N, C-alpha and C. Protein backbone atom coordinates (compact mmCIF):
# COMPACT_ATOMS: atom_id res chain seq x y z
N UNK A 1 -9.36 -12.22 0.93
CA UNK A 1 -9.36 -12.83 2.25
C UNK A 1 -10.79 -12.85 2.78
N UNK A 2 -11.19 -13.97 3.35
CA UNK A 2 -12.55 -14.10 3.88
C UNK A 2 -12.69 -13.33 5.20
N UNK A 3 -13.94 -13.04 5.56
CA UNK A 3 -14.21 -12.36 6.83
C UNK A 3 -13.69 -13.20 8.00
N UNK A 4 -13.82 -14.53 7.89
CA UNK A 4 -13.36 -15.44 8.94
C UNK A 4 -11.85 -15.30 9.17
N UNK A 5 -11.05 -15.36 8.11
CA UNK A 5 -9.60 -15.26 8.28
C UNK A 5 -9.19 -13.85 8.69
N UNK A 6 -9.93 -12.86 8.24
CA UNK A 6 -9.64 -11.48 8.66
C UNK A 6 -9.90 -11.31 10.16
N UNK A 7 -11.01 -11.87 10.66
CA UNK A 7 -11.30 -11.81 12.09
C UNK A 7 -10.23 -12.54 12.88
N UNK A 8 -9.79 -13.70 12.40
CA UNK A 8 -8.74 -14.46 13.08
C UNK A 8 -7.47 -13.63 13.18
N UNK A 9 -7.10 -12.96 12.11
CA UNK A 9 -5.91 -12.11 12.11
C UNK A 9 -6.03 -10.94 13.07
N UNK A 10 -7.20 -10.32 13.12
CA UNK A 10 -7.41 -9.19 14.03
C UNK A 10 -7.35 -9.65 15.49
N UNK A 11 -7.94 -10.80 15.77
CA UNK A 11 -7.90 -11.34 17.13
C UNK A 11 -6.47 -11.69 17.50
N UNK A 12 -5.72 -12.28 16.58
CA UNK A 12 -4.32 -12.61 16.83
C UNK A 12 -3.51 -11.34 17.12
N UNK A 13 -3.70 -10.28 16.32
CA UNK A 13 -2.99 -9.03 16.55
C UNK A 13 -3.29 -8.45 17.94
N UNK A 14 -4.57 -8.49 18.33
CA UNK A 14 -4.95 -7.99 19.65
C UNK A 14 -4.33 -8.84 20.75
N UNK A 15 -4.33 -10.16 20.57
CA UNK A 15 -3.75 -11.05 21.58
C UNK A 15 -2.24 -10.84 21.70
N UNK A 16 -1.57 -10.63 20.57
CA UNK A 16 -0.13 -10.38 20.59
C UNK A 16 0.21 -9.09 21.33
N UNK A 17 -0.67 -8.12 21.22
CA UNK A 17 -0.42 -6.82 21.82
C UNK A 17 -0.85 -6.75 23.28
N UNK A 18 -1.53 -7.77 23.78
CA UNK A 18 -2.03 -7.76 25.16
C UNK A 18 -0.87 -7.68 26.15
N UNK A 19 -1.04 -6.89 27.21
CA UNK A 19 0.02 -6.77 28.20
C UNK A 19 0.22 -8.06 28.99
N UNK A 20 1.40 -8.20 29.58
CA UNK A 20 1.68 -9.35 30.43
C UNK A 20 0.63 -9.42 31.54
N UNK A 21 0.28 -10.60 31.95
CA UNK A 21 -0.72 -10.77 33.00
C UNK A 21 -2.13 -10.88 32.45
N UNK A 22 -2.31 -10.78 31.11
CA UNK A 22 -3.63 -10.95 30.52
C UNK A 22 -4.07 -12.39 30.70
N UNK A 23 -5.36 -12.62 30.53
CA UNK A 23 -5.90 -13.97 30.68
C UNK A 23 -5.12 -14.94 29.79
N UNK A 24 -4.69 -16.09 30.34
CA UNK A 24 -3.91 -17.04 29.53
C UNK A 24 -4.76 -17.76 28.49
N UNK A 25 -6.08 -17.77 28.65
CA UNK A 25 -6.94 -18.45 27.69
C UNK A 25 -8.34 -17.84 27.72
N UNK A 26 -8.90 -17.65 26.53
CA UNK A 26 -10.28 -17.21 26.42
C UNK A 26 -10.82 -17.65 25.07
N UNK A 27 -12.14 -17.72 24.99
CA UNK A 27 -12.80 -18.08 23.74
C UNK A 27 -13.72 -16.95 23.35
N UNK A 28 -13.62 -16.53 22.09
CA UNK A 28 -14.45 -15.46 21.54
C UNK A 28 -15.45 -16.12 20.60
N UNK A 29 -16.74 -15.96 20.92
CA UNK A 29 -17.81 -16.55 20.12
C UNK A 29 -18.55 -15.42 19.40
N UNK A 30 -18.73 -15.55 18.09
CA UNK A 30 -19.37 -14.51 17.30
C UNK A 30 -20.61 -15.11 16.64
N UNK A 31 -21.75 -14.54 16.97
CA UNK A 31 -23.01 -15.01 16.40
C UNK A 31 -23.21 -14.43 15.00
N UNK A 32 -24.15 -14.97 14.26
CA UNK A 32 -24.40 -14.54 12.88
C UNK A 32 -24.74 -13.05 12.80
N UNK A 33 -25.41 -12.51 13.79
CA UNK A 33 -25.77 -11.09 13.81
C UNK A 33 -24.64 -10.19 14.25
N UNK A 34 -23.47 -10.76 14.58
CA UNK A 34 -22.32 -9.98 14.97
C UNK A 34 -22.14 -9.84 16.48
N UNK A 35 -23.05 -10.39 17.28
CA UNK A 35 -22.91 -10.30 18.73
C UNK A 35 -21.71 -11.14 19.16
N UNK A 36 -20.97 -10.60 20.14
CA UNK A 36 -19.76 -11.26 20.62
C UNK A 36 -19.98 -11.72 22.06
N UNK A 37 -19.58 -12.94 22.34
CA UNK A 37 -19.64 -13.49 23.69
C UNK A 37 -18.23 -14.00 24.01
N UNK A 38 -17.67 -13.58 25.12
CA UNK A 38 -16.32 -13.99 25.50
C UNK A 38 -16.40 -14.89 26.74
N UNK A 39 -15.78 -16.06 26.64
CA UNK A 39 -15.75 -17.03 27.73
C UNK A 39 -14.31 -17.12 28.22
N UNK A 40 -14.10 -16.83 29.50
CA UNK A 40 -12.76 -16.90 30.08
C UNK A 40 -12.37 -18.35 30.31
N UNK A 41 -11.12 -18.66 30.07
CA UNK A 41 -10.63 -20.02 30.28
C UNK A 41 -10.76 -20.87 29.03
N UNK A 42 -10.22 -22.07 29.10
CA UNK A 42 -10.23 -22.95 27.93
C UNK A 42 -10.59 -24.38 28.32
N UNK A 43 -11.52 -24.53 29.26
CA UNK A 43 -11.85 -25.87 29.74
C UNK A 43 -12.69 -26.65 28.73
N UNK A 44 -13.67 -26.01 28.12
CA UNK A 44 -14.56 -26.69 27.19
C UNK A 44 -13.98 -26.67 25.78
N UNK A 45 -14.21 -27.73 25.00
CA UNK A 45 -13.77 -27.74 23.61
C UNK A 45 -14.44 -26.60 22.83
N UNK A 46 -13.71 -26.03 21.90
CA UNK A 46 -14.21 -24.88 21.14
C UNK A 46 -15.49 -25.22 20.37
N UNK A 47 -15.56 -26.41 19.80
CA UNK A 47 -16.76 -26.77 19.04
C UNK A 47 -17.97 -26.95 19.95
N UNK A 48 -17.76 -27.40 21.18
CA UNK A 48 -18.86 -27.54 22.14
C UNK A 48 -19.41 -26.17 22.52
N UNK A 49 -18.53 -25.20 22.77
CA UNK A 49 -18.98 -23.84 23.09
C UNK A 49 -19.69 -23.21 21.90
N UNK A 50 -19.16 -23.45 20.71
CA UNK A 50 -19.77 -22.91 19.49
C UNK A 50 -21.20 -23.43 19.35
N UNK A 51 -21.39 -24.71 19.60
CA UNK A 51 -22.72 -25.31 19.51
C UNK A 51 -23.63 -24.83 20.64
N UNK A 52 -23.10 -24.78 21.87
CA UNK A 52 -23.89 -24.38 23.04
C UNK A 52 -24.45 -22.97 22.91
N UNK A 53 -23.64 -22.04 22.37
CA UNK A 53 -24.06 -20.65 22.26
C UNK A 53 -24.65 -20.33 20.88
N UNK A 54 -24.71 -21.31 19.98
CA UNK A 54 -25.29 -21.10 18.65
C UNK A 54 -24.53 -20.07 17.84
N UNK A 55 -23.21 -20.17 17.85
CA UNK A 55 -22.38 -19.17 17.18
C UNK A 55 -21.88 -19.65 15.83
N UNK A 56 -21.78 -18.73 14.90
CA UNK A 56 -21.25 -19.05 13.58
C UNK A 56 -19.75 -19.21 13.59
N UNK A 57 -19.06 -18.37 14.37
CA UNK A 57 -17.59 -18.40 14.44
C UNK A 57 -17.16 -18.47 15.90
N UNK A 58 -16.05 -19.16 16.12
CA UNK A 58 -15.49 -19.27 17.46
C UNK A 58 -13.97 -19.22 17.35
N UNK A 59 -13.35 -18.49 18.27
CA UNK A 59 -11.89 -18.35 18.28
C UNK A 59 -11.38 -18.60 19.69
N UNK A 60 -10.46 -19.54 19.84
CA UNK A 60 -9.83 -19.83 21.13
C UNK A 60 -8.47 -19.15 21.12
N UNK A 61 -8.22 -18.30 22.12
CA UNK A 61 -6.95 -17.59 22.25
C UNK A 61 -6.24 -18.16 23.47
N UNK A 62 -5.02 -18.65 23.29
CA UNK A 62 -4.23 -19.13 24.41
C UNK A 62 -2.88 -18.44 24.41
N UNK A 63 -2.41 -18.13 25.60
CA UNK A 63 -1.12 -17.47 25.79
C UNK A 63 -0.29 -18.30 26.77
N UNK A 64 0.96 -18.52 26.40
CA UNK A 64 1.86 -19.28 27.26
C UNK A 64 3.23 -18.61 27.16
N UNK A 65 3.55 -17.82 28.18
CA UNK A 65 4.79 -17.05 28.11
C UNK A 65 4.68 -16.06 26.97
N UNK A 66 5.61 -16.08 26.05
CA UNK A 66 5.58 -15.17 24.91
C UNK A 66 4.82 -15.73 23.72
N UNK A 67 4.36 -16.97 23.80
CA UNK A 67 3.68 -17.57 22.65
C UNK A 67 2.18 -17.29 22.71
N UNK A 68 1.64 -16.94 21.54
CA UNK A 68 0.20 -16.71 21.40
C UNK A 68 -0.31 -17.62 20.30
N UNK A 69 -1.46 -18.23 20.56
CA UNK A 69 -2.08 -19.13 19.57
C UNK A 69 -3.56 -18.79 19.46
N UNK A 70 -4.05 -18.65 18.23
CA UNK A 70 -5.47 -18.44 17.97
C UNK A 70 -5.94 -19.59 17.09
N UNK A 71 -6.94 -20.31 17.60
CA UNK A 71 -7.58 -21.38 16.84
C UNK A 71 -8.98 -20.92 16.50
N UNK A 72 -9.34 -20.95 15.21
CA UNK A 72 -10.65 -20.48 14.79
C UNK A 72 -11.45 -21.54 14.07
N UNK A 73 -12.77 -21.45 14.22
CA UNK A 73 -13.69 -22.35 13.52
C UNK A 73 -14.91 -21.56 13.07
N UNK A 74 -15.32 -21.81 11.85
CA UNK A 74 -16.53 -21.21 11.31
C UNK A 74 -17.08 -22.16 10.26
N UNK A 75 -18.17 -22.85 10.61
CA UNK A 75 -18.70 -23.87 9.70
C UNK A 75 -17.66 -24.95 9.50
N UNK A 76 -17.33 -25.24 8.24
CA UNK A 76 -16.32 -26.26 7.95
C UNK A 76 -14.91 -25.68 7.88
N UNK A 77 -14.79 -24.36 8.02
CA UNK A 77 -13.47 -23.71 7.98
C UNK A 77 -12.79 -23.76 9.34
N UNK A 78 -11.49 -24.01 9.32
CA UNK A 78 -10.68 -24.01 10.53
C UNK A 78 -9.37 -23.30 10.23
N UNK A 79 -8.81 -22.65 11.25
CA UNK A 79 -7.49 -22.05 11.09
C UNK A 79 -6.77 -22.02 12.43
N UNK A 80 -5.45 -21.98 12.36
CA UNK A 80 -4.61 -21.82 13.54
C UNK A 80 -3.54 -20.80 13.17
N UNK A 81 -3.39 -19.79 14.02
CA UNK A 81 -2.33 -18.79 13.86
C UNK A 81 -1.54 -18.78 15.15
N UNK A 82 -0.23 -18.90 15.06
CA UNK A 82 0.60 -18.82 16.26
C UNK A 82 1.91 -18.13 15.92
N UNK A 83 2.56 -17.62 16.95
CA UNK A 83 3.82 -16.91 16.78
C UNK A 83 4.96 -17.73 17.36
N UNK A 84 6.18 -17.42 16.95
CA UNK A 84 7.33 -18.08 17.59
C UNK A 84 7.46 -17.60 19.04
N UNK A 85 8.01 -18.41 19.89
CA UNK A 85 8.15 -18.07 21.31
C UNK A 85 9.07 -16.88 21.56
N UNK A 86 9.91 -16.54 20.64
CA UNK A 86 10.91 -15.50 20.89
C UNK A 86 10.39 -14.08 20.72
N UNK A 87 9.20 -13.90 20.17
CA UNK A 87 8.70 -12.55 19.93
C UNK A 87 8.31 -11.88 21.24
N UNK A 88 8.70 -10.60 21.38
CA UNK A 88 8.37 -9.85 22.59
C UNK A 88 6.97 -9.29 22.50
N UNK A 89 6.25 -9.17 23.63
CA UNK A 89 4.91 -8.59 23.61
C UNK A 89 4.96 -7.11 23.24
N UNK A 90 3.88 -6.62 22.65
CA UNK A 90 3.78 -5.21 22.27
C UNK A 90 3.42 -4.35 23.47
N UNK A 91 3.46 -3.05 23.26
CA UNK A 91 3.10 -2.11 24.33
C UNK A 91 1.59 -2.07 24.52
N UNK A 92 1.16 -1.51 25.63
CA UNK A 92 -0.27 -1.38 25.90
C UNK A 92 -0.94 -0.49 24.85
N UNK A 93 -0.22 0.51 24.34
CA UNK A 93 -0.77 1.39 23.31
C UNK A 93 -1.06 0.60 22.03
N UNK A 94 -0.15 -0.28 21.65
CA UNK A 94 -0.36 -1.11 20.46
C UNK A 94 -1.53 -2.06 20.68
N UNK A 95 -1.67 -2.58 21.90
CA UNK A 95 -2.77 -3.48 22.23
C UNK A 95 -4.11 -2.77 22.03
N UNK A 96 -4.22 -1.55 22.52
CA UNK A 96 -5.47 -0.80 22.40
C UNK A 96 -5.80 -0.56 20.93
N UNK A 97 -4.82 -0.22 20.12
CA UNK A 97 -5.05 0.01 18.70
C UNK A 97 -5.49 -1.25 17.98
N UNK A 98 -4.87 -2.37 18.28
CA UNK A 98 -5.24 -3.64 17.64
C UNK A 98 -6.63 -4.08 18.07
N UNK A 99 -6.94 -3.95 19.35
CA UNK A 99 -8.25 -4.36 19.85
C UNK A 99 -9.35 -3.48 19.25
N UNK A 100 -9.09 -2.20 19.08
CA UNK A 100 -10.07 -1.29 18.52
C UNK A 100 -10.46 -1.71 17.11
N UNK A 101 -9.52 -2.26 16.36
CA UNK A 101 -9.80 -2.70 15.00
C UNK A 101 -10.86 -3.77 14.92
N UNK A 102 -11.08 -4.53 15.99
CA UNK A 102 -12.10 -5.58 15.99
C UNK A 102 -13.51 -5.02 15.97
N UNK A 103 -13.71 -3.81 16.48
CA UNK A 103 -15.05 -3.30 16.71
C UNK A 103 -15.35 -2.02 15.93
N UNK A 104 -14.52 -1.67 14.98
CA UNK A 104 -14.65 -0.38 14.31
C UNK A 104 -15.89 -0.25 13.43
N UNK A 105 -16.27 -1.25 12.67
CA UNK A 105 -17.30 -1.07 11.66
C UNK A 105 -18.74 -1.22 12.16
N UNK A 106 -18.94 -1.81 13.34
CA UNK A 106 -20.31 -1.98 13.83
C UNK A 106 -20.29 -2.32 15.31
N UNK A 107 -21.34 -1.95 16.02
CA UNK A 107 -21.42 -2.44 17.39
C UNK A 107 -21.70 -3.93 17.35
N UNK A 108 -20.98 -4.67 18.13
CA UNK A 108 -21.12 -6.13 18.11
C UNK A 108 -21.47 -6.63 19.51
N UNK A 109 -22.50 -6.07 20.07
CA UNK A 109 -22.91 -6.48 21.40
C UNK A 109 -24.42 -6.36 21.51
N UNK A 110 -24.97 -7.03 22.46
CA UNK A 110 -26.41 -6.89 22.74
C UNK A 110 -26.59 -7.03 24.24
N UNK A 111 -27.69 -6.53 24.74
CA UNK A 111 -28.01 -6.64 26.15
C UNK A 111 -28.86 -7.87 26.36
N UNK A 112 -28.47 -8.71 27.29
CA UNK A 112 -29.21 -9.93 27.57
C UNK A 112 -30.22 -9.67 28.68
N UNK A 113 -31.34 -10.35 28.60
CA UNK A 113 -32.33 -10.28 29.66
C UNK A 113 -31.80 -11.06 30.87
N UNK A 114 -32.01 -10.61 32.09
CA UNK A 114 -31.50 -11.32 33.27
C UNK A 114 -31.92 -12.78 33.32
N UNK A 115 -33.11 -13.11 32.85
CA UNK A 115 -33.58 -14.49 32.89
C UNK A 115 -32.72 -15.39 32.01
N UNK A 116 -32.12 -14.85 30.95
CA UNK A 116 -31.28 -15.66 30.07
C UNK A 116 -29.93 -15.96 30.69
N UNK A 117 -29.52 -15.17 31.67
CA UNK A 117 -28.22 -15.34 32.29
C UNK A 117 -28.26 -16.25 33.51
N UNK A 118 -29.44 -16.56 33.99
CA UNK A 118 -29.56 -17.37 35.21
C UNK A 118 -29.26 -18.82 34.97
């Protein structure tokens, strides 16, 4: 399994385990160095955000009731993972465990200079 599909699966597991009331849509952008940028909402197309932030991989997570969908892009690779609407959400404890799996092997964050955020 490629790193891209493994990341998509981990993001899907975390999204499935998210408690009710979580953001209905977000985009996770991963740069080549492993830095992660999360954009709330789903207004912009995923490929536009990927290009704007110069990211190697991008994952759009959408939630609608009990349904979760993860759309991923990395270079020419694309994937979509979704669940049937009938599946019940997991507990908050399961959510924490699934989310932790995304960040276990390395820190994937960096501090931005204030001028870059303006």
